[in-house]
Amino acid sequence: DVLQLLRHGARARAVRATEYNEASSRSHAILQLLVVTESRATDGTTTLRRGKLSMVDLAGSEKMNVAKDAMAMTKRHVQELTSINRSLSALGNVIATLADISAGKAKGGSHVPYRDSKLTRLLQDSLGGSTRTVVVACVAPGAAYGMESVSTLKFADRAAKVMARVRANEVVDDKVLLKRAYAEIGKLKALVAALRRKEDGGGVGVGGGGGDDEV
């Protein structure tokens, strides 16, 4: 099923020749798999564990030389270029904000602009959640591509500075949670009853060091 989804996505992808690549991806590709496992302990406790795998292939940014390309570029090409660059810019802003939070330059409750694009909204869990993230940066060795390579490496460097606090996503069965809550209520009731018995039997001292007041 997963391979079928990959083939379907590959057919739907937009590919076009650019100045740097004959078969450049002109659309982002995202494959997200949600895995849910259920385990039952000997005491009947049911625990659900959820995990999400996101595989992302980002379309490369492209600069438009107005004097050179204005006549050759179609309206659809311009819209495509603008959309890709806007979404990549939104992704860069999100990663920059998360990196500042990780470095202590911004408060933990600072606004992270996930909703600025569909791309960052889909990748919200992968960027700032309890996840492990791997970034593969593709650069060209030629001197002519120096600016693009440096920009890509800076992006990857910012992404590497985002600190993730990985923890298991576990959900315990509601019946177990209710059982625990009732047990806690029982303990509190017993504590209240014990305090009342002490009060009836002679009082319980309150106050700081050596006070004589009793209730």
C-alpha atoms as a PDB file:
ATOM      1  CA  ASP A   1       0.000   0.000   0.000  1.00  0.00           C
ATOM      2  CA  VAL A   2       2.815   2.409   0.882  1.00  0.00           C
ATOM      3  CA  LEU A   3       4.656   1.747  -2.395  1.00  0.00           C
ATOM      4  CA  GLN A   4       1.432   2.318  -4.290  1.00  0.00           C
ATOM      5  CA  LEU A   5       1.039   5.687  -2.567  1.00  0.00           C
ATOM      6  CA  LEU A   6       4.625   6.562  -3.465  1.00  0.00           C
ATOM      7  CA  ARG A   7       4.058   5.719  -7.121  1.00  0.00           C
ATOM      8  CA  HIS A   8       0.846   7.754  -7.152  1.00  0.00           C
ATOM      9  CA  GLY A   9       2.656  10.725  -5.616  1.00  0.00           C
ATOM     10  CA  ALA A  10       5.546  10.410  -8.059  1.00  0.00           C
ATOM     11  CA  ARG A  11       3.131  10.592 -10.997  1.00  0.00           C
ATOM     12  CA  ALA A  12       1.507  13.707  -9.567  1.00  0.00           C
ATOM     13  CA  ARG A  13       4.756  15.562  -8.968  1.00  0.00           C
ATOM     14  CA  ALA A  14       5.653  18.556 -11.090  1.00  0.00           C
ATOM     15  CA  VAL A  15       9.084  18.239 -12.731  1.00  0.00           C
ATOM     16  CA  ARG A  16      10.686  20.826 -14.986  1.00  0.00           C
ATOM     17  CA  ALA A  17      14.140  21.672 -16.288  1.00  0.00           C
ATOM     18  CA  THR A  18      15.821  24.610 -14.600  1.00  0.00           C
ATOM     19  CA  GLU A  19      19.168  26.337 -15.018  1.00  0.00           C
ATOM     20  CA  TYR A  20      20.721  23.975 -12.460  1.00  0.00           C
ATOM     21  CA  ASN A  21      18.834  20.708 -12.961  1.00  0.00           C
ATOM     22  CA  GLU A  22      17.299  19.034 -16.011  1.00  0.00           C
ATOM     23  CA  ALA A  23      14.680  17.224 -13.920  1.00  0.00           C
ATOM     24  CA  SER A  24      14.110  19.562 -10.982  1.00  0.00           C
ATOM     25  CA  SER A  25      11.222  18.967  -8.581  1.00  0.00           C
ATOM     26  CA  ARG A  26       8.865  21.901  -8.886  1.00  0.00           C
ATOM     27  CA  SER A  27       6.555  20.748  -6.113  1.00  0.00           C
ATOM     28  CA  HIS A  28       7.118  19.504  -2.579  1.00  0.00           C
ATOM     29  CA  ALA A  29       6.502  15.821  -1.904  1.00  0.00           C
ATOM     30  CA  ILE A  30       5.442  14.601   1.547  1.00  0.00           C
ATOM     31  CA  LEU A  31       4.741  11.039   2.646  1.00  0.00           C
ATOM     32  CA  GLN A  32       3.418  10.661   6.190  1.00  0.00           C
ATOM     33  CA  LEU A  33       2.870   7.307   7.876  1.00  0.00           C
ATOM     34  CA  LEU A  34       1.009   7.079  11.189  1.00  0.00           C
ATOM     35  CA  VAL A  35       1.720   3.879  13.110  1.00  0.00           C
ATOM     36  CA  VAL A  36      -0.403   2.911  16.122  1.00  0.00           C
ATOM     37  CA  THR A  37       0.423  -0.083  18.324  1.00  0.00           C
ATOM     38  CA  GLU A  38      -1.657  -1.453  21.195  1.00  0.00           C
ATOM     39  CA  SER A  39      -0.272  -3.444  24.107  1.00  0.00           C
ATOM     40  CA  ARG A  40      -2.073  -4.981  27.066  1.00  0.00           C
ATOM     41  CA  ALA A  41      -0.370  -5.614  30.411  1.00  0.00           C
ATOM     42  CA  THR A  42      -1.109  -8.514  32.754  1.00  0.00           C
ATOM     43  CA  ASP A  43      -3.257  -6.241  34.949  1.00  0.00           C
ATOM     44  CA  GLY A  44      -5.476  -5.411  31.977  1.00  0.00           C
ATOM     45  CA  THR A  45      -3.944  -2.004  31.293  1.00  0.00           C
ATOM     46  CA  THR A  46      -4.166  -1.079  27.611  1.00  0.00           C
ATOM     47  CA  THR A  47      -1.570   1.337  26.258  1.00  0.00           C
ATOM     48  CA  LEU A  48      -1.632   2.913  22.809  1.00  0.00           C
ATOM     49  CA  ARG A  49       1.622   4.115  21.268  1.00  0.00           C
ATOM     50  CA  ARG A  50       1.539   6.430  18.288  1.00  0.00           C
ATOM     51  CA  GLY A  51       4.361   7.275  15.934  1.00  0.00           C
ATOM     52  CA  LYS A  52       4.519   9.378  12.761  1.00  0.00           C
ATOM     53  CA  LEU A  53       7.094   9.057  10.007  1.00  0.00           C
ATOM     54  CA  SER A  54       7.323  12.017   7.634  1.00  0.00           C
ATOM     55  CA  MET A  55       9.449  11.787   4.497  1.00  0.00           C
ATOM     56  CA  VAL A  56       9.809  15.117   2.703  1.00  0.00           C
ATOM     57  CA  ASP A  57      11.403  16.059  -0.604  1.00  0.00           C
ATOM     58  CA  LEU A  58      11.487  19.825  -0.892  1.00  0.00           C
ATOM     59  CA  ALA A  59      11.408  21.566  -4.227  1.00  0.00           C
ATOM     60  CA  GLY A  60      14.518  23.679  -4.781  1.00  0.00           C
ATOM     61  CA  SER A  61      14.313  27.441  -4.659  1.00  0.00           C
ATOM     62  CA  GLU A  62      14.843  29.315  -7.895  1.00  0.00           C
ATOM     63  CA  LYS A  63      15.780  32.927  -8.533  1.00  0.00           C
ATOM     64  CA  MET A  64      14.234  34.798 -11.408  1.00  0.00           C
ATOM     65  CA  ASN A  65      16.402  37.044 -13.503  1.00  0.00           C
ATOM     66  CA  VAL A  66      13.816  39.620 -14.518  1.00  0.00           C
ATOM     67  CA  ALA A  67      15.783  41.010 -17.467  1.00  0.00           C
ATOM     68  CA  LYS A  68      16.675  37.568 -18.816  1.00  0.00           C
ATOM     69  CA  ASP A  69      13.652  35.443 -17.968  1.00  0.00           C
ATOM     70  CA  ALA A  70      10.668  37.781 -18.047  1.00  0.00           C
ATOM     71  CA  MET A  71       9.866  37.073 -21.689  1.00  0.00           C
ATOM     72  CA  ALA A  72      10.535  33.330 -21.562  1.00  0.00           C
ATOM     73  CA  MET A  73       8.629  32.565 -18.341  1.00  0.00           C
ATOM     74  CA  THR A  74       4.935  31.823 -18.536  1.00  0.00           C
ATOM     75  CA  LYS A  75       2.387  33.006 -16.003  1.00  0.00           C
ATOM     76  CA  ARG A  76       2.138  29.471 -14.618  1.00  0.00           C
ATOM     77  CA  HIS A  77       5.915  29.311 -14.260  1.00  0.00           C
ATOM     78  CA  VAL A  78       5.977  32.573 -12.311  1.00  0.00           C
ATOM     79  CA  GLN A  79       3.180  31.396 -10.005  1.00  0.00           C
ATOM     80  CA  GLU A  80       5.008  28.104  -9.437  1.00  0.00           C
ATOM     81  CA  LEU A  81       8.276  29.855  -8.614  1.00  0.00           C
ATOM     82  CA  THR A  82       6.561  32.313  -6.277  1.00  0.00           C
ATOM     83  CA  SER A  83       4.660  29.566  -4.451  1.00  0.00           C
ATOM     84  CA  ILE A  84       7.782  27.437  -3.897  1.00  0.00           C
ATOM     85  CA  ASN A  85       9.884  30.333  -2.658  1.00  0.00           C
ATOM     86  CA  ARG A  86       7.102  31.527  -0.346  1.00  0.00           C
ATOM     87  CA  SER A  87       6.683  28.111   1.275  1.00  0.00           C
ATOM     88  CA  LEU A  88      10.453  27.662   1.671  1.00  0.00           C
ATOM     89  CA  SER A  89      10.665  31.105   3.250  1.00  0.00           C
ATOM     90  CA  ALA A  90       7.901  30.148   5.700  1.00  0.00           C
ATOM     91  CA  LEU A  91       9.774  26.950   6.539  1.00  0.00           C
ATOM     92  CA  GLY A  92      12.960  28.937   7.129  1.00  0.00           C
ATOM     93  CA  ASN A  93      11.109  31.337   9.454  1.00  0.00           C
ATOM     94  CA  VAL A  94       9.710  28.442  11.501  1.00  0.00           C
ATOM     95  CA  ILE A  95      13.122  26.793  11.839  1.00  0.00           C
ATOM     96  CA  ALA A  96      14.755  30.114  12.742  1.00  0.00           C
ATOM     97  CA  THR A  97      12.190  30.693  15.502  1.00  0.00           C
ATOM     98  CA  LEU A  98      12.610  27.160  16.875  1.00  0.00           C
ATOM     99  CA  ALA A  99      16.397  27.549  16.799  1.00  0.00           C
ATOM    100  CA  ASP A 100      16.136  30.822  18.761  1.00  0.00           C
ATOM    101  CA  ILE A 101      13.929  29.100  21.350  1.00  0.00           C
ATOM    102  CA  SER A 102      16.415  26.231  21.657  1.00  0.00           C
ATOM    103  CA  ALA A 103      19.301  28.683  22.090  1.00  0.00           C
ATOM    104  CA  GLY A 104      17.419  30.710  24.693  1.00  0.00           C
ATOM    105  CA  LYS A 105      17.204  33.784  22.460  1.00  0.00           C
ATOM    106  CA  ALA A 106      13.408  33.576  22.500  1.00  0.00           C
ATOM    107  CA  LYS A 107      10.976  32.500  25.203  1.00  0.00           C
ATOM    108  CA  GLY A 108       9.515  29.007  25.140  1.00  0.00           C
ATOM    109  CA  GLY A 109       6.040  30.410  24.601  1.00  0.00           C
ATOM    110  CA  SER A 110       7.036  32.493  21.590  1.00  0.00           C
ATOM    111  CA  HIS A 111       4.792  32.302  18.556  1.00  0.00           C
ATOM    112  CA  VAL A 112       5.988  29.841  15.934  1.00  0.00           C
ATOM    113  CA  PRO A 113       4.415  30.664  12.523  1.00  0.00           C
ATOM    114  CA  TYR A 114       3.389  27.121  11.559  1.00  0.00           C
ATOM    115  CA  ARG A 115       0.204  28.359   9.874  1.00  0.00           C
ATOM    116  CA  ASP A 116       1.986  30.609   7.396  1.00  0.00           C
ATOM    117  CA  SER A 117       2.005  27.803   4.804  1.00  0.00           C
ATOM    118  CA  LYS A 118       0.527  24.363   4.194  1.00  0.00           C
ATOM    119  CA  LEU A 119       4.036  22.910   4.224  1.00  0.00           C
ATOM    120  CA  THR A 120       4.880  24.078   7.750  1.00  0.00           C
ATOM    121  CA  ARG A 121       1.419  23.149   9.002  1.00  0.00           C
ATOM    122  CA  LEU A 122       1.822  19.575   7.764  1.00  0.00           C
ATOM    123  CA  LEU A 123       5.316  19.344   9.238  1.00  0.00           C
ATOM    124  CA  GLN A 124       4.484  20.937  12.593  1.00  0.00           C
ATOM    125  CA  ASP A 125       4.928  17.683  14.535  1.00  0.00           C
ATOM    126  CA  SER A 126       8.167  16.879  12.719  1.00  0.00           C
ATOM    127  CA  LEU A 127       9.688  20.312  13.271  1.00  0.00           C
ATOM    128  CA  GLY A 128       8.837  21.234  16.836  1.00  0.00           C
ATOM    129  CA  GLY A 129       7.349  18.123  18.354  1.00  0.00           C
ATOM    130  CA  SER A 130       8.686  15.041  20.060  1.00  0.00           C
ATOM    131  CA  THR A 131      10.515  13.742  17.008  1.00  0.00           C
ATOM    132  CA  ARG A 132      13.906  12.914  15.564  1.00  0.00           C
ATOM    133  CA  THR A 133      14.564  14.866  12.387  1.00  0.00           C
ATOM    134  CA  VAL A 134      17.198  14.240   9.727  1.00  0.00           C
ATOM    135  CA  VAL A 135      17.961  16.857   7.067  1.00  0.00           C
ATOM    136  CA  VAL A 136      19.765  15.891   3.857  1.00  0.00           C
ATOM    137  CA  ALA A 137      21.131  19.007   2.147  1.00  0.00           C
ATOM    138  CA  CYS A 138      21.974  18.690  -1.552  1.00  0.00           C
ATOM    139  CA  VAL A 139      24.585  21.110  -2.875  1.00  0.00           C
ATOM    140  CA  ALA A 140      26.545  21.438  -6.106  1.00  0.00           C
ATOM    141  CA  PRO A 141      30.363  21.491  -6.115  1.00  0.00           C
ATOM    142  CA  GLY A 142      30.709  24.061  -8.892  1.00  0.00           C
ATOM    143  CA  ALA A 143      31.820  27.608  -8.112  1.00  0.00           C
ATOM    144  CA  ALA A 144      28.910  28.949 -10.162  1.00  0.00           C
ATOM    145  CA  TYR A 145      26.498  27.518  -7.607  1.00  0.00           C
ATOM    146  CA  GLY A 146      28.305  28.934  -4.577  1.00  0.00           C
ATOM    147  CA  MET A 147      25.534  31.261  -3.388  1.00  0.00           C
ATOM    148  CA  GLU A 148      22.866  28.543  -3.604  1.00  0.00           C
ATOM    149  CA  SER A 149      25.111  26.037  -1.813  1.00  0.00           C
ATOM    150  CA  VAL A 150      25.875  28.473   1.006  1.00  0.00           C
ATOM    151  CA  SER A 151      22.164  29.280   1.401  1.00  0.00           C
ATOM    152  CA  THR A 152      21.315  25.575   1.587  1.00  0.00           C
ATOM    153  CA  LEU A 153      24.029  24.878   4.157  1.00  0.00           C
ATOM    154  CA  LYS A 154      22.884  27.795   6.313  1.00  0.00           C
ATOM    155  CA  PHE A 155      19.356  26.391   6.244  1.00  0.00           C
ATOM    156  CA  ALA A 156      20.616  22.956   7.317  1.00  0.00           C
ATOM    157  CA  ASP A 157      22.734  24.528  10.063  1.00  0.00           C
ATOM    158  CA  ARG A 158      19.707  26.330  11.505  1.00  0.00           C
ATOM    159  CA  ALA A 159      17.692  23.123  11.396  1.00  0.00           C
ATOM    160  CA  ALA A 160      20.452  21.276  13.282  1.00  0.00           C
ATOM    161  CA  LYS A 161      20.209  23.810  16.124  1.00  0.00           C
ATOM    162  CA  VAL A 162      16.584  22.946  16.866  1.00  0.00           C
ATOM    163  CA  MET A 163      16.610  20.874  20.057  1.00  0.00           C
ATOM    164  CA  ALA A 164      13.984  18.135  20.151  1.00  0.00           C
ATOM    165  CA  ARG A 165      12.872  16.504  23.388  1.00  0.00           C
ATOM    166  CA  VAL A 166      11.949  13.025  22.245  1.00  0.00           C
ATOM    167  CA  ARG A 167       9.504  11.088  24.378  1.00  0.00           C
ATOM    168  CA  ALA A 168       7.187   8.169  23.760  1.00  0.00           C
ATOM    169  CA  ASN A 169       3.686   9.132  22.668  1.00  0.00           C
ATOM    170  CA  GLU A 170       1.678   6.852  24.925  1.00  0.00           C
ATOM    171  CA  VAL A 171      -2.026   6.965  25.715  1.00  0.00           C
ATOM    172  CA  VAL A 172      -3.374   4.824  28.545  1.00  0.00           C
ATOM    173  CA  ASP A 173      -6.884   3.387  28.394  1.00  0.00           C
ATOM    174  CA  ASP A 174      -9.549   5.696  29.910  1.00  0.00           C
ATOM    175  CA  LYS A 175     -10.715   2.941  32.276  1.00  0.00           C
ATOM    176  CA  VAL A 176      -7.246   2.759  33.794  1.00  0.00           C
ATOM    177  CA  LEU A 177      -7.117   6.539  34.192  1.00  0.00           C
ATOM    178  CA  LEU A 178     -10.488   6.500  35.970  1.00  0.00           C
ATOM    179  CA  LYS A 179      -9.289   3.690  38.243  1.00  0.00           C
ATOM    180  CA  ARG A 180      -6.214   5.738  39.158  1.00  0.00           C
ATOM    181  CA  ALA A 181      -8.351   8.814  39.792  1.00  0.00           C
ATOM    182  CA  TYR A 182     -10.705   6.896  42.087  1.00  0.00           C
ATOM    183  CA  ALA A 183      -7.705   5.477  43.988  1.00  0.00           C
ATOM    184  CA  GLU A 184      -6.322   8.995  44.471  1.00  0.00           C
ATOM    185  CA  ILE A 185      -9.722  10.214  45.683  1.00  0.00           C
ATOM    186  CA  GLY A 186      -9.801   7.336  48.155  1.00  0.00           C
ATOM    187  CA  LYS A 187      -6.380   8.302  49.527  1.00  0.00           C
ATOM    188  CA  LEU A 188      -7.456  11.929  49.944  1.00  0.00           C
ATOM    189  CA  LYS A 189     -10.655  10.907  51.732  1.00  0.00           C
ATOM    190  CA  ALA A 190      -8.652   8.730  54.110  1.00  0.00           C
ATOM    191  CA  LEU A 191      -6.266  11.636  54.793  1.00  0.00           C
ATOM    192  CA  VAL A 192      -9.157  13.991  55.541  1.00  0.00           C
ATOM    193  CA  ALA A 193     -10.721  11.407  57.870  1.00  0.00           C
ATOM    194  CA  ALA A 194      -7.417  10.985  59.730  1.00  0.00           C
ATOM    195  CA  LEU A 195      -7.080  14.749  60.203  1.00  0.00           C
ATOM    196  CA  ARG A 196     -10.608  14.960  61.547  1.00  0.00           C
ATOM    197  CA  ARG A 197      -9.919  12.175  64.076  1.00  0.00           C
ATOM    198  CA  LYS A 198      -6.801  14.001  65.279  1.00  0.00           C
ATOM    199  CA  GLU A 199      -8.810  17.203  65.569  1.00  0.00           C
ATOM    200  CA  ASP A 200     -11.520  15.509  67.615  1.00  0.00           C
ATOM    201  CA  GLY A 201      -8.935  13.833  69.819  1.00  0.00           C
ATOM    202  CA  GLY A 202      -7.113  16.943  71.027  1.00  0.00           C
ATOM    203  CA  GLY A 203      -6.342  19.296  68.181  1.00  0.00           C
ATOM    204  CA  VAL A 204      -3.784  19.687  65.505  1.00  0.00           C
ATOM    205  CA  GLY A 205      -1.138  22.364  65.952  1.00  0.00           C
ATOM    206  CA  VAL A 206      -0.706  24.896  63.169  1.00  0.00           C
ATOM    207  CA  GLY A 207       1.688  27.751  62.561  1.00  0.00           C
ATOM    208  CA  GLY A 208       5.454  28.156  62.466  1.00  0.00           C
ATOM    209  CA  GLY A 209       8.188  27.386  64.971  1.00  0.00           C
ATOM    210  CA  GLY A 210       6.783  26.831  68.436  1.00  0.00           C
ATOM    211  CA  GLY A 211       3.350  28.459  68.179  1.00  0.00           C
ATOM    212  CA  ASP A 212       0.794  27.564  70.900  1.00  0.00           C
ATOM    213  CA  ASP A 213      -2.367  27.919  68.789  1.00  0.00           C
ATOM    214  CA  GLU A 214      -4.454  24.797  68.274  1.00  0.00           C
ATOM    215  CA  VAL A 215      -7.589  24.023  66.315  1.00  0.00           C
END
